[in-house]
Amino acid sequence: MHYMIQCSNCSHVHTVDALQLAQQASRWACPICGVVTDYAQYELAQPGLSPEAKDFWTAVFFAGLFVGLVMAADRLSRTLDRL
């Protein structure tokens, strides 16, 4: 999922990959979730992966990403509460 976003300070338009942003937020909030999503992504890239294995690693990837994003939202919320 790519989005085109124009910089608020200049006329440059940048391509942003929402999935990569989510992965970075997940890594920031929970290194373990980051490792889980990275490993699942690695497994998904393996040639000759069976459909069942692909479904499994896709589920692992999105579960790790989801948990990491929930943790990122919680961490961000706690940070903002302190301000």
N, C-alpha and C. Protein backbone atom coordinates (compact mmCIF):
# COMPACT_ATOMS: atom_id res chain seq x y z
N MET A 1 0.84 -1.17 0.00
CA MET A 1 0.00 0.00 0.00
C MET A 1 0.89 1.23 0.00
N HIS A 2 0.96 1.88 -1.10
CA HIS A 2 1.78 3.08 -1.23
C HIS A 2 0.87 4.30 -1.32
N TYR A 3 1.29 5.36 -0.68
CA TYR A 3 0.57 6.61 -0.72
C TYR A 3 1.51 7.72 -1.17
N MET A 4 0.98 8.66 -1.90
CA MET A 4 1.74 9.82 -2.32
C MET A 4 1.40 10.95 -1.35
N ILE A 5 2.44 11.52 -0.72
CA ILE A 5 2.24 12.57 0.27
C ILE A 5 3.11 13.75 -0.10
N GLN A 6 2.49 14.93 -0.10
CA GLN A 6 3.25 16.14 -0.40
C GLN A 6 3.80 16.72 0.90
N CYS A 7 5.06 17.11 0.85
CA CYS A 7 5.72 17.70 2.00
C CYS A 7 5.02 19.02 2.36
N SER A 8 4.86 19.27 3.67
CA SER A 8 4.20 20.51 4.09
C SER A 8 5.12 21.72 4.00
N ASN A 9 6.43 21.48 3.81
CA ASN A 9 7.38 22.59 3.75
C ASN A 9 7.83 22.93 2.34
N CYS A 10 7.62 22.03 1.40
CA CYS A 10 8.05 22.28 0.03
C CYS A 10 7.10 21.57 -0.93
N SER A 11 7.43 21.59 -2.18
CA SER A 11 6.54 20.99 -3.18
C SER A 11 6.88 19.54 -3.50
N HIS A 12 7.81 18.94 -2.78
CA HIS A 12 8.17 17.56 -3.06
C HIS A 12 7.05 16.61 -2.69
N VAL A 13 6.86 15.62 -3.54
CA VAL A 13 5.89 14.56 -3.28
C VAL A 13 6.67 13.28 -3.00
N HIS A 14 6.35 12.64 -1.91
CA HIS A 14 7.07 11.45 -1.48
C HIS A 14 6.14 10.24 -1.51
N THR A 15 6.70 9.10 -1.82
CA THR A 15 5.96 7.85 -1.77
C THR A 15 6.18 7.23 -0.40
N VAL A 16 5.09 6.90 0.26
CA VAL A 16 5.15 6.31 1.58
C VAL A 16 4.49 4.94 1.52
N ASP A 17 5.18 3.94 2.04
CA ASP A 17 4.64 2.59 2.10
C ASP A 17 4.05 2.39 3.50
N ALA A 18 2.73 2.29 3.58
CA ALA A 18 2.06 2.18 4.87
C ALA A 18 2.48 0.94 5.64
N LEU A 19 2.73 -0.15 4.95
CA LEU A 19 3.14 -1.38 5.62
C LEU A 19 4.52 -1.22 6.26
N GLN A 20 5.44 -0.55 5.57
CA GLN A 20 6.77 -0.32 6.15
C GLN A 20 6.69 0.61 7.36
N LEU A 21 5.83 1.60 7.30
CA LEU A 21 5.64 2.48 8.46
C LEU A 21 5.09 1.70 9.65
N ALA A 22 4.14 0.81 9.38
CA ALA A 22 3.58 -0.01 10.46
C ALA A 22 4.66 -0.91 11.05
N GLN A 23 5.50 -1.50 10.20
CA GLN A 23 6.57 -2.35 10.69
C GLN A 23 7.55 -1.57 11.55
N GLN A 24 7.88 -0.36 11.14
CA GLN A 24 8.82 0.47 11.91
C GLN A 24 8.21 0.84 13.27
N ALA A 25 6.92 1.16 13.29
CA ALA A 25 6.26 1.48 14.55
C ALA A 25 6.26 0.26 15.47
N SER A 26 6.02 -0.90 14.88
CA SER A 26 6.02 -2.14 15.65
C SER A 26 7.40 -2.42 16.23
N ARG A 27 8.45 -2.23 15.43
CA ARG A 27 9.83 -2.44 15.90
C ARG A 27 10.18 -1.48 17.03
N TRP A 28 9.72 -0.24 16.89
CA TRP A 28 9.99 0.79 17.90
C TRP A 28 9.34 0.41 19.23
N ALA A 29 8.11 -0.06 19.18
CA ALA A 29 7.37 -0.35 20.40
C ALA A 29 7.77 -1.68 21.03
N CYS A 30 8.10 -2.66 20.19
CA CYS A 30 8.39 -3.99 20.73
C CYS A 30 9.37 -4.71 19.80
N PRO A 31 10.63 -4.78 20.19
CA PRO A 31 11.62 -5.46 19.36
C PRO A 31 11.25 -6.92 19.07
N ILE A 32 10.58 -7.57 20.00
CA ILE A 32 10.19 -8.97 19.77
C ILE A 32 9.17 -9.06 18.64
N CYS A 33 8.18 -8.18 18.64
CA CYS A 33 7.20 -8.16 17.55
C CYS A 33 7.89 -7.85 16.22
N GLY A 34 8.88 -6.98 16.26
CA GLY A 34 9.64 -6.66 15.06
C GLY A 34 10.37 -7.87 14.52
N VAL A 35 10.97 -8.64 15.40
CA VAL A 35 11.69 -9.85 14.99
C VAL A 35 10.72 -10.88 14.42
N VAL A 36 9.57 -11.03 15.06
CA VAL A 36 8.57 -11.99 14.58
C VAL A 36 8.10 -11.62 13.17
N THR A 37 7.79 -10.35 12.95
CA THR A 37 7.33 -9.95 11.61
C THR A 37 8.45 -10.07 10.58
N ASP A 38 9.67 -9.72 10.97
CA ASP A 38 10.80 -9.86 10.04
C ASP A 38 11.04 -11.32 9.67
N TYR A 39 10.97 -12.22 10.66
CA TYR A 39 11.21 -13.63 10.38
C TYR A 39 10.09 -14.21 9.51
N ALA A 40 8.85 -13.83 9.80
CA ALA A 40 7.74 -14.30 8.98
C ALA A 40 7.88 -13.80 7.55
N GLN A 41 8.32 -12.57 7.39
CA GLN A 41 8.53 -12.02 6.05
C GLN A 41 9.65 -12.78 5.33
N TYR A 42 10.69 -13.14 6.06
CA TYR A 42 11.78 -13.93 5.50
C TYR A 42 11.26 -15.30 5.03
N GLU A 43 10.48 -15.94 5.87
CA GLU A 43 9.93 -17.25 5.51
C GLU A 43 9.01 -17.15 4.29
N LEU A 44 8.24 -16.09 4.21
CA LEU A 44 7.34 -15.91 3.07
C LEU A 44 8.10 -15.73 1.76
N ALA A 45 9.32 -15.26 1.83
CA ALA A 45 10.12 -15.04 0.63
C ALA A 45 10.82 -16.31 0.14
N GLN A 46 10.72 -17.40 0.91
CA GLN A 46 11.40 -18.64 0.52
C GLN A 46 10.71 -19.26 -0.69
N PRO A 47 11.51 -19.71 -1.66
CA PRO A 47 10.92 -20.33 -2.85
C PRO A 47 10.31 -21.70 -2.50
N GLY A 48 9.28 -22.08 -3.22
CA GLY A 48 8.67 -23.39 -3.06
C GLY A 48 7.84 -23.53 -1.81
N LEU A 49 7.38 -22.44 -1.25
CA LEU A 49 6.58 -22.47 -0.04
C LEU A 49 5.19 -23.03 -0.36
N SER A 50 4.73 -23.97 0.42
CA SER A 50 3.40 -24.55 0.18
C SER A 50 2.33 -23.52 0.51
N PRO A 51 1.13 -23.67 -0.07
CA PRO A 51 0.04 -22.72 0.25
C PRO A 51 -0.29 -22.70 1.74
N GLU A 52 -0.22 -23.86 2.40
CA GLU A 52 -0.50 -23.91 3.83
C GLU A 52 0.56 -23.15 4.63
N ALA A 53 1.81 -23.34 4.25
CA ALA A 53 2.89 -22.63 4.93
C ALA A 53 2.79 -21.13 4.68
N LYS A 54 2.41 -20.77 3.46
CA LYS A 54 2.26 -19.34 3.14
C LYS A 54 1.15 -18.72 3.99
N ASP A 55 0.03 -19.43 4.12
CA ASP A 55 -1.06 -18.93 4.96
C ASP A 55 -0.61 -18.79 6.42
N PHE A 56 0.14 -19.78 6.90
CA PHE A 56 0.62 -19.74 8.28
C PHE A 56 1.54 -18.55 8.51
N TRP A 57 2.54 -18.37 7.66
CA TRP A 57 3.50 -17.28 7.85
C TRP A 57 2.86 -15.91 7.62
N THR A 58 1.86 -15.85 6.76
CA THR A 58 1.12 -14.59 6.58
C THR A 58 0.38 -14.24 7.86
N ALA A 59 -0.25 -15.24 8.47
CA ALA A 59 -0.96 -15.02 9.73
C ALA A 59 0.00 -14.60 10.83
N VAL A 60 1.16 -15.24 10.91
CA VAL A 60 2.17 -14.88 11.91
C VAL A 60 2.63 -13.44 11.68
N PHE A 61 2.88 -13.09 10.42
CA PHE A 61 3.32 -11.74 10.08
C PHE A 61 2.32 -10.70 10.58
N PHE A 62 1.05 -10.88 10.22
CA PHE A 62 0.06 -9.88 10.58
C PHE A 62 -0.27 -9.89 12.07
N ALA A 63 -0.17 -11.04 12.72
CA ALA A 63 -0.37 -11.09 14.17
C ALA A 63 0.73 -10.30 14.88
N GLY A 64 1.98 -10.53 14.49
CA GLY A 64 3.09 -9.79 15.08
C GLY A 64 2.99 -8.30 14.82
N LEU A 65 2.59 -7.96 13.60
CA LEU A 65 2.44 -6.55 13.24
C LEU A 65 1.31 -5.91 14.05
N PHE A 66 0.20 -6.61 14.19
CA PHE A 66 -0.94 -6.07 14.94
C PHE A 66 -0.58 -5.84 16.41
N VAL A 67 0.03 -6.83 17.02
CA VAL A 67 0.42 -6.69 18.44
C VAL A 67 1.42 -5.55 18.59
N GLY A 68 2.37 -5.46 17.68
CA GLY A 68 3.34 -4.37 17.73
C GLY A 68 2.70 -3.00 17.58
N LEU A 69 1.69 -2.90 16.71
CA LEU A 69 1.00 -1.61 16.52
C LEU A 69 0.17 -1.25 17.75
N VAL A 70 -0.45 -2.24 18.38
CA VAL A 70 -1.19 -1.98 19.61
C VAL A 70 -0.22 -1.48 20.69
N MET A 71 0.93 -2.11 20.78
CA MET A 71 1.93 -1.69 21.76
C MET A 71 2.46 -0.29 21.43
N ALA A 72 2.61 0.01 20.14
CA ALA A 72 3.08 1.34 19.73
C ALA A 72 2.04 2.39 20.11
N ALA A 73 0.77 2.09 19.89
CA ALA A 73 -0.29 3.04 20.25
C ALA A 73 -0.30 3.28 21.76
N ASP A 74 -0.13 2.21 22.53
CA ASP A 74 -0.10 2.34 23.98
C ASP A 74 1.11 3.16 24.43
N ARG A 75 2.25 2.85 23.85
CA ARG A 75 3.48 3.58 24.22
C ARG A 75 3.38 5.05 23.86
N LEU A 76 2.83 5.34 22.67
CA LEU A 76 2.65 6.72 22.25
C LEU A 76 1.66 7.45 23.17
N SER A 77 0.59 6.76 23.53
CA SER A 77 -0.40 7.34 24.42
C SER A 77 0.21 7.69 25.78
N ARG A 78 1.02 6.80 26.31
CA ARG A 78 1.68 7.05 27.60
C ARG A 78 2.67 8.21 27.50
N THR A 79 3.35 8.30 26.36
CA THR A 79 4.30 9.38 26.15
C THR A 79 3.56 10.72 26.09
N LEU A 80 2.45 10.75 25.39
CA LEU A 80 1.68 12.00 25.26
C LEU A 80 1.04 12.39 26.59
N ASP A 81 0.66 11.40 27.40
CA ASP A 81 0.08 11.70 28.70
C ASP A 81 1.07 12.39 29.62
N ARG A 82 2.36 12.07 29.45
CA ARG A 82 3.40 12.69 30.29
C ARG A 82 3.69 14.14 29.90
N LEU A 83 3.29 14.51 28.69
CA LEU A 83 3.57 15.89 28.24
C LEU A 83 2.62 16.86 28.81
